[in-house]
PDB file of N, CA and C in Angstrom:
ATOM      1  N   MET A   1       0.816  -1.196   0.000  1.00  0.00           N
ATOM      2  CA  MET A   1       0.000   0.000   0.000  1.00  0.00           C
ATOM      3  C   MET A   1       0.855   1.253   0.000  1.00  0.00           C
ATOM      4  N   LEU A   2       1.995   1.197   0.625  1.00  0.00           N
ATOM      5  CA  LEU A   2       2.864   2.368   0.675  1.00  0.00           C
ATOM      6  C   LEU A   2       3.301   2.776  -0.732  1.00  0.00           C
ATOM      7  N   THR A   3       3.645   1.803  -1.551  1.00  0.00           N
ATOM      8  CA  THR A   3       4.047   2.108  -2.929  1.00  0.00           C
ATOM      9  C   THR A   3       2.896   2.731  -3.698  1.00  0.00           C
ATOM     10  N   ILE A   4       1.704   2.193  -3.544  1.00  0.00           N
ATOM     11  CA  ILE A   4       0.536   2.725  -4.246  1.00  0.00           C
ATOM     12  C   ILE A   4       0.268   4.155  -3.796  1.00  0.00           C
ATOM     13  N   LYS A   5       0.311   4.400  -2.492  1.00  0.00           N
ATOM     14  CA  LYS A   5       0.070   5.754  -1.985  1.00  0.00           C
ATOM     15  C   LYS A   5       1.138   6.729  -2.464  1.00  0.00           C
ATOM     16  N   THR A   6       2.379   6.280  -2.498  1.00  0.00           N
ATOM     17  CA  THR A   6       3.463   7.145  -2.967  1.00  0.00           C
ATOM     18  C   THR A   6       3.284   7.487  -4.437  1.00  0.00           C
ATOM     19  N   LEU A   7       2.992   6.491  -5.258  1.00  0.00           N
ATOM     20  CA  LEU A   7       2.769   6.755  -6.683  1.00  0.00           C
ATOM     21  C   LEU A   7       1.596   7.704  -6.885  1.00  0.00           C
ATOM     22  N   ASN A   8       0.509   7.485  -6.156  1.00  0.00           N
ATOM     23  CA  ASN A   8      -0.646   8.376  -6.257  1.00  0.00           C
ATOM     24  C   ASN A   8      -0.284   9.800  -5.850  1.00  0.00           C
ATOM     25  N   SER A   9       0.517   9.960  -4.793  1.00  0.00           N
ATOM     26  CA  SER A   9       0.889  11.300  -4.337  1.00  0.00           C
ATOM     27  C   SER A   9       1.770  12.020  -5.355  1.00  0.00           C
ATOM     28  N   MET A  10       2.427  11.244  -6.204  1.00  0.00           N
ATOM     29  CA  MET A  10       3.283  11.824  -7.250  1.00  0.00           C
ATOM     30  C   MET A  10       2.528  11.960  -8.573  1.00  0.00           C
ATOM     31  N   ASN A  11       1.207  11.717  -8.525  1.00  0.00           N
ATOM     32  CA  ASN A  11       0.346  11.786  -9.709  1.00  0.00           C
ATOM     33  C   ASN A  11       0.792  10.832 -10.813  1.00  0.00           C
ATOM     34  N   ILE A  12       1.306   9.676 -10.416  1.00  0.00           N
ATOM     35  CA  ILE A  12       1.684   8.641 -11.369  1.00  0.00           C
ATOM     36  C   ILE A  12       0.524   7.660 -11.454  1.00  0.00           C
ATOM     37  N   LYS A  13      -0.032   7.538 -12.657  1.00  0.00           N
ATOM     38  CA  LYS A  13      -1.183   6.662 -12.860  1.00  0.00           C
ATOM     39  C   LYS A  13      -0.744   5.203 -12.791  1.00  0.00           C
ATOM     40  N   ILE A  14      -1.490   4.419 -12.048  1.00  0.00           N
ATOM     41  CA  ILE A  14      -1.225   2.987 -11.934  1.00  0.00           C
ATOM     42  C   ILE A  14      -2.130   2.267 -12.924  1.00  0.00           C
ATOM     43  N   GLN A  15      -1.521   1.585 -13.869  1.00  0.00           N
ATOM     44  CA  GLN A  15      -2.283   0.871 -14.901  1.00  0.00           C
ATOM     45  C   GLN A  15      -2.984  -0.355 -14.319  1.00  0.00           C
ATOM     46  N   GLY A  16      -2.321  -1.016 -13.388  1.00  0.00           N
ATOM     47  CA  GLY A  16      -2.893  -2.206 -12.785  1.00  0.00           C
ATOM     48  C   GLY A  16      -1.895  -2.844 -11.842  1.00  0.00           C
ATOM     49  N   LEU A  17      -2.341  -3.894 -11.191  1.00  0.00           N
ATOM     50  CA  LEU A  17      -1.494  -4.602 -10.235  1.00  0.00           C
ATOM     51  C   LEU A  17      -1.303  -6.044 -10.677  1.00  0.00           C
ATOM     52  N   VAL A  18      -0.132  -6.580 -10.354  1.00  0.00           N
ATOM     53  CA  VAL A  18       0.158  -7.993 -10.600  1.00  0.00           C
ATOM     54  C   VAL A  18       0.459  -8.635  -9.251  1.00  0.00           C
ATOM     55  N   PHE A  19      -0.331  -9.623  -8.899  1.00  0.00           N
ATOM     56  CA  PHE A  19      -0.084 -10.408  -7.696  1.00  0.00           C
ATOM     57  C   PHE A  19       0.523 -11.729  -8.161  1.00  0.00           C
ATOM     58  N   ASN A  20       1.777 -11.968  -7.787  1.00  0.00           N
ATOM     59  CA  ASN A  20       2.436 -13.172  -8.286  1.00  0.00           C
ATOM     60  C   ASN A  20       2.735 -14.161  -7.163  1.00  0.00           C
ATOM     61  N   ASN A  21       3.055 -15.382  -7.574  1.00  0.00           N
ATOM     62  CA  ASN A  21       3.374 -16.473  -6.652  1.00  0.00           C
ATOM     63  C   ASN A  21       2.198 -16.786  -5.725  1.00  0.00           C
ATOM     64  N   TYR A  22       0.994 -16.641  -6.251  1.00  0.00           N
ATOM     65  CA  TYR A  22      -0.239 -16.848  -5.486  1.00  0.00           C
ATOM     66  C   TYR A  22      -0.422 -18.327  -5.153  1.00  0.00           C
ATOM     67  N   LYS A  23      -0.642 -18.619  -3.873  1.00  0.00           N
ATOM     68  CA  LYS A  23      -0.788 -20.001  -3.405  1.00  0.00           C
ATOM     69  C   LYS A  23      -2.169 -20.292  -2.826  1.00  0.00           C
ATOM     70  N   ALA A  24      -3.077 -19.342  -2.929  1.00  0.00           N
ATOM     71  CA  ALA A  24      -4.466 -19.506  -2.478  1.00  0.00           C
ATOM     72  C   ALA A  24      -4.585 -19.721  -0.970  1.00  0.00           C
ATOM     73  N   ASN A  25      -3.732 -19.092  -0.211  1.00  0.00           N
ATOM     74  CA  ASN A  25      -3.846 -19.112   1.246  1.00  0.00           C
ATOM     75  C   ASN A  25      -4.824 -18.031   1.692  1.00  0.00           C
ATOM     76  N   PHE A  26      -5.428 -18.228   2.862  1.00  0.00           N
ATOM     77  CA  PHE A  26      -6.381 -17.246   3.373  1.00  0.00           C
ATOM     78  C   PHE A  26      -5.764 -15.857   3.456  1.00  0.00           C
ATOM     79  N   TYR A  27      -4.544 -15.772   3.992  1.00  0.00           N
ATOM     80  CA  TYR A  27      -3.942 -14.454   4.183  1.00  0.00           C
ATOM     81  C   TYR A  27      -3.632 -13.784   2.852  1.00  0.00           C
ATOM     82  N   GLU A  28      -3.318 -14.559   1.819  1.00  0.00           N
ATOM     83  CA  GLU A  28      -3.106 -13.955   0.500  1.00  0.00           C
ATOM     84  C   GLU A  28      -4.409 -13.392  -0.037  1.00  0.00           C
ATOM     85  N   ASP A  29      -5.484 -14.171   0.086  1.00  0.00           N
ATOM     86  CA  ASP A  29      -6.791 -13.687  -0.364  1.00  0.00           C
ATOM     87  C   ASP A  29      -7.180 -12.414   0.375  1.00  0.00           C
ATOM     88  N   ASP A  30      -6.947 -12.409   1.678  1.00  0.00           N
ATOM     89  CA  ASP A  30      -7.277 -11.232   2.480  1.00  0.00           C
ATOM     90  C   ASP A  30      -6.422 -10.032   2.077  1.00  0.00           C
ATOM     91  N   ASN A  31      -5.129 -10.247   1.876  1.00  0.00           N
ATOM     92  CA  ASN A  31      -4.243  -9.146   1.465  1.00  0.00           C
ATOM     93  C   ASN A  31      -4.674  -8.558   0.129  1.00  0.00           C
ATOM     94  N   ILE A  32      -4.980  -9.418  -0.827  1.00  0.00           N
ATOM     95  CA  ILE A  32      -5.419  -8.939  -2.144  1.00  0.00           C
ATOM     96  C   ILE A  32      -6.708  -8.143  -1.999  1.00  0.00           C
ATOM     97  N   LYS A  33      -7.643  -8.658  -1.224  1.00  0.00           N
ATOM     98  CA  LYS A  33      -8.927  -7.966  -1.010  1.00  0.00           C
ATOM     99  C   LYS A  33      -8.699  -6.579  -0.406  1.00  0.00           C
ATOM    100  N   VAL A  34      -7.883  -6.505   0.633  1.00  0.00           N
ATOM    101  CA  VAL A  34      -7.630  -5.226   1.305  1.00  0.00           C
ATOM    102  C   VAL A  34      -6.921  -4.248   0.362  1.00  0.00           C
ATOM    103  N   ILE A  35      -5.927  -4.721  -0.349  1.00  0.00           N
ATOM    104  CA  ILE A  35      -5.199  -3.846  -1.276  1.00  0.00           C
ATOM    105  C   ILE A  35      -6.132  -3.291  -2.336  1.00  0.00           C
ATOM    106  N   LEU A  36      -6.967  -4.138  -2.915  1.00  0.00           N
ATOM    107  CA  LEU A  36      -7.887  -3.676  -3.961  1.00  0.00           C
ATOM    108  C   LEU A  36      -8.934  -2.724  -3.408  1.00  0.00           C
ATOM    109  N   GLU A  37      -9.466  -3.026  -2.228  1.00  0.00           N
ATOM    110  CA  GLU A  37     -10.483  -2.141  -1.629  1.00  0.00           C
ATOM    111  C   GLU A  37      -9.885  -0.792  -1.249  1.00  0.00           C
ATOM    112  N   ASP A  38      -8.742  -0.804  -0.593  1.00  0.00           N
ATOM    113  CA  ASP A  38      -8.134   0.449  -0.126  1.00  0.00           C
ATOM    114  C   ASP A  38      -7.600   1.304  -1.261  1.00  0.00           C
ATOM    115  N   SER A  39      -7.098   0.662  -2.297  1.00  0.00           N
ATOM    116  CA  SER A  39      -6.494   1.420  -3.396  1.00  0.00           C
ATOM    117  C   SER A  39      -7.521   1.873  -4.420  1.00  0.00           C
ATOM    118  N   GLY A  40      -8.633   1.152  -4.515  1.00  0.00           N
ATOM    119  CA  GLY A  40      -9.634   1.466  -5.531  1.00  0.00           C
ATOM    120  C   GLY A  40      -9.235   0.972  -6.911  1.00  0.00           C
ATOM    121  N   ILE A  41      -8.138   0.251  -7.000  1.00  0.00           N
ATOM    122  CA  ILE A  41      -7.668  -0.262  -8.285  1.00  0.00           C
ATOM    123  C   ILE A  41      -8.501  -1.488  -8.650  1.00  0.00           C
ATOM    124  N   LYS A  42      -9.029  -1.487  -9.867  1.00  0.00           N
ATOM    125  CA  LYS A  42      -9.869  -2.583 -10.316  1.00  0.00           C
ATOM    126  C   LYS A  42      -9.163  -3.471 -11.331  1.00  0.00           C
ATOM    127  N   ASN A  43      -8.087  -2.993 -11.891  1.00  0.00           N
ATOM    128  CA  ASN A  43      -7.368  -3.714 -12.932  1.00  0.00           C
ATOM    129  C   ASN A  43      -6.200  -4.478 -12.312  1.00  0.00           C
ATOM    130  N   TYR A  44      -6.313  -5.804 -12.298  1.00  0.00           N
ATOM    131  CA  TYR A  44      -5.260  -6.621 -11.697  1.00  0.00           C
ATOM    132  C   TYR A  44      -5.253  -8.009 -12.322  1.00  0.00           C
ATOM    133  N   ILE A  45      -4.174  -8.696 -12.107  1.00  0.00           N
ATOM    134  CA  ILE A  45      -4.064 -10.083 -12.549  1.00  0.00           C
ATOM    135  C   ILE A  45      -3.364 -10.862 -11.443  1.00  0.00           C
ATOM    136  N   ILE A  46      -3.736 -12.120 -11.295  1.00  0.00           N
ATOM    137  CA  ILE A  46      -3.139 -12.993 -10.286  1.00  0.00           C
ATOM    138  C   ILE A  46      -2.387 -14.100 -11.005  1.00  0.00           C
ATOM    139  N   ILE A  47      -1.109 -14.234 -10.673  1.00  0.00           N
ATOM    140  CA  ILE A  47      -0.273 -15.286 -11.250  1.00  0.00           C
ATOM    141  C   ILE A  47      -0.052 -16.334 -10.168  1.00  0.00           C
ATOM    142  N   LYS A  48      -0.480 -17.538 -10.440  1.00  0.00           N
ATOM    143  CA  LYS A  48      -0.413 -18.612  -9.448  1.00  0.00           C
ATOM    144  C   LYS A  48       1.013 -19.126  -9.271  1.00  0.00           C
ATOM    145  N   ASN A  49       1.274 -19.661  -8.104  1.00  0.00           N
ATOM    146  CA  ASN A  49       2.557 -20.280  -7.799  1.00  0.00           C
ATOM    147  C   ASN A  49       2.842 -21.379  -8.827  1.00  0.00           C
ATOM    148  N   GLY A  50       3.996 -21.322  -9.441  1.00  0.00           N
ATOM    149  CA  GLY A  50       4.377 -22.326 -10.430  1.00  0.00           C
ATOM    150  C   GLY A  50       3.876 -22.046 -11.831  1.00  0.00           C
ATOM    151  N   GLN A  51       3.046 -21.032 -11.986  1.00  0.00           N
ATOM    152  CA  GLN A  51       2.538 -20.695 -13.309  1.00  0.00           C
ATOM    153  C   GLN A  51       3.687 -20.164 -14.150  1.00  0.00           C
ATOM    154  N   LYS A  52       3.882 -20.744 -15.310  1.00  0.00           N
ATOM    155  CA  LYS A  52       5.045 -20.415 -16.143  1.00  0.00           C
ATOM    156  C   LYS A  52       4.738 -19.425 -17.256  1.00  0.00           C
ATOM    157  N   SER A  53       3.473 -19.234 -17.555  1.00  0.00           N
ATOM    158  CA  SER A  53       3.151 -18.320 -18.653  1.00  0.00           C
ATOM    159  C   SER A  53       1.775 -17.699 -18.428  1.00  0.00           C
ATOM    160  N   LEU A  54       1.532 -16.658 -19.190  1.00  0.00           N
ATOM    161  CA  LEU A  54       0.231 -15.988 -19.186  1.00  0.00           C
ATOM    162  C   LEU A  54      -0.299 -15.981 -20.607  1.00  0.00           C
ATOM    163  N   GLU A  55      -1.592 -16.012 -20.716  1.00  0.00           N
ATOM    164  CA  GLU A  55      -2.203 -15.898 -22.028  1.00  0.00           C
ATOM    165  C   GLU A  55      -1.957 -14.480 -22.564  1.00  0.00           C
ATOM    166  N   GLU A  56      -1.593 -14.392 -23.812  1.00  0.00           N
ATOM    167  CA  GLU A  56      -1.330 -13.087 -24.414  1.00  0.00           C
ATOM    168  C   GLU A  56      -2.559 -12.189 -24.329  1.00  0.00           C
ATOM    169  N   LYS A  57      -3.730 -12.766 -24.502  1.00  0.00           N
ATOM    170  CA  LYS A  57      -4.961 -11.965 -24.435  1.00  0.00           C
ATOM    171  C   LYS A  57      -5.160 -11.359 -23.041  1.00  0.00           C
ATOM    172  N   ASP A  58      -4.778 -12.118 -21.988  1.00  0.00           N
ATOM    173  CA  ASP A  58      -4.898 -11.585 -20.630  1.00  0.00           C
ATOM    174  C   ASP A  58      -3.957 -10.408 -20.407  1.00  0.00           C
ATOM    175  N   LEU A  59      -2.751 -10.493 -20.950  1.00  0.00           N
ATOM    176  CA  LEU A  59      -1.803  -9.376 -20.838  1.00  0.00           C
ATOM    177  C   LEU A  59      -2.295  -8.157 -21.601  1.00  0.00           C
ATOM    178  N   GLU A  60      -2.835  -8.374 -22.783  1.00  0.00           N
ATOM    179  CA  GLU A  60      -3.369  -7.251 -23.565  1.00  0.00           C
ATOM    180  C   GLU A  60      -4.499  -6.567 -22.813  1.00  0.00           C
ATOM    181  N   ILE A  61      -5.374  -7.357 -22.211  1.00  0.00           N
ATOM    182  CA  ILE A  61      -6.487  -6.798 -21.447  1.00  0.00           C
ATOM    183  C   ILE A  61      -5.963  -6.037 -20.234  1.00  0.00           C
ATOM    184  N   LEU A  62      -4.983  -6.608 -19.524  1.00  0.00           N
ATOM    185  CA  LEU A  62      -4.400  -5.932 -18.364  1.00  0.00           C
ATOM    186  C   LEU A  62      -3.815  -4.583 -18.770  1.00  0.00           C
ATOM    187  N   PHE A  63      -3.064  -4.560 -19.857  1.00  0.00           N
ATOM    188  CA  PHE A  63      -2.422  -3.321 -20.272  1.00  0.00           C
ATOM    189  C   PHE A  63      -3.420  -2.295 -20.785  1.00  0.00           C
ATOM    190  N   ARG A  64      -4.565  -2.739 -21.259  1.00  0.00           N
ATOM    191  CA  ARG A  64      -5.609  -1.794 -21.683  1.00  0.00           C
ATOM    192  C   ARG A  64      -6.482  -1.374 -20.516  1.00  0.00           C
ATOM    193  N   GLY A  65      -6.332  -2.025 -19.358  1.00  0.00           N
ATOM    194  CA  GLY A  65      -7.100  -1.636 -18.183  1.00  0.00           C
ATOM    195  C   GLY A  65      -8.482  -2.204 -18.102  1.00  0.00           C
ATOM    196  N   LEU A  66      -8.720  -3.327 -18.755  1.00  0.00           N
ATOM    197  CA  LEU A  66     -10.074  -3.868 -18.823  1.00  0.00           C
ATOM    198  C   LEU A  66     -10.264  -5.199 -18.124  1.00  0.00           C
ATOM    199  N   ILE A  67      -9.246  -5.752 -17.529  1.00  0.00           N
ATOM    200  CA  ILE A  67      -9.295  -7.153 -17.106  1.00  0.00           C
ATOM    201  C   ILE A  67     -10.374  -7.453 -16.071  1.00  0.00           C
ATOM    202  N   ASN A  68     -10.636  -6.559 -15.165  1.00  0.00           N
ATOM    203  CA  ASN A  68     -11.638  -6.850 -14.129  1.00  0.00           C
ATOM    204  C   ASN A  68     -12.791  -5.859 -14.131  1.00  0.00           C
ATOM    205  N   GLU A  69     -13.107  -5.339 -15.284  1.00  0.00           N
ATOM    206  CA  GLU A  69     -14.234  -4.399 -15.372  1.00  0.00           C
ATOM    207  C   GLU A  69     -15.506  -5.145 -15.661  1.00  0.00           C
TER     208      GLU A  69
END
């Protein structure tokens, strides 16, 4: 959250967030929920633990800001 607040205070637009090495633990789910709620950021992607690649279409959507709209 500190990084997000700092970027916002510098008027740097955040395109989206990447949560990586996701293992589906309760605390990870809670952290993601809190970060998204507090930051107001709706554009994000979750990369699972051991995931070796992403679909190109998912990256295109993330970079356009549409992935979770």
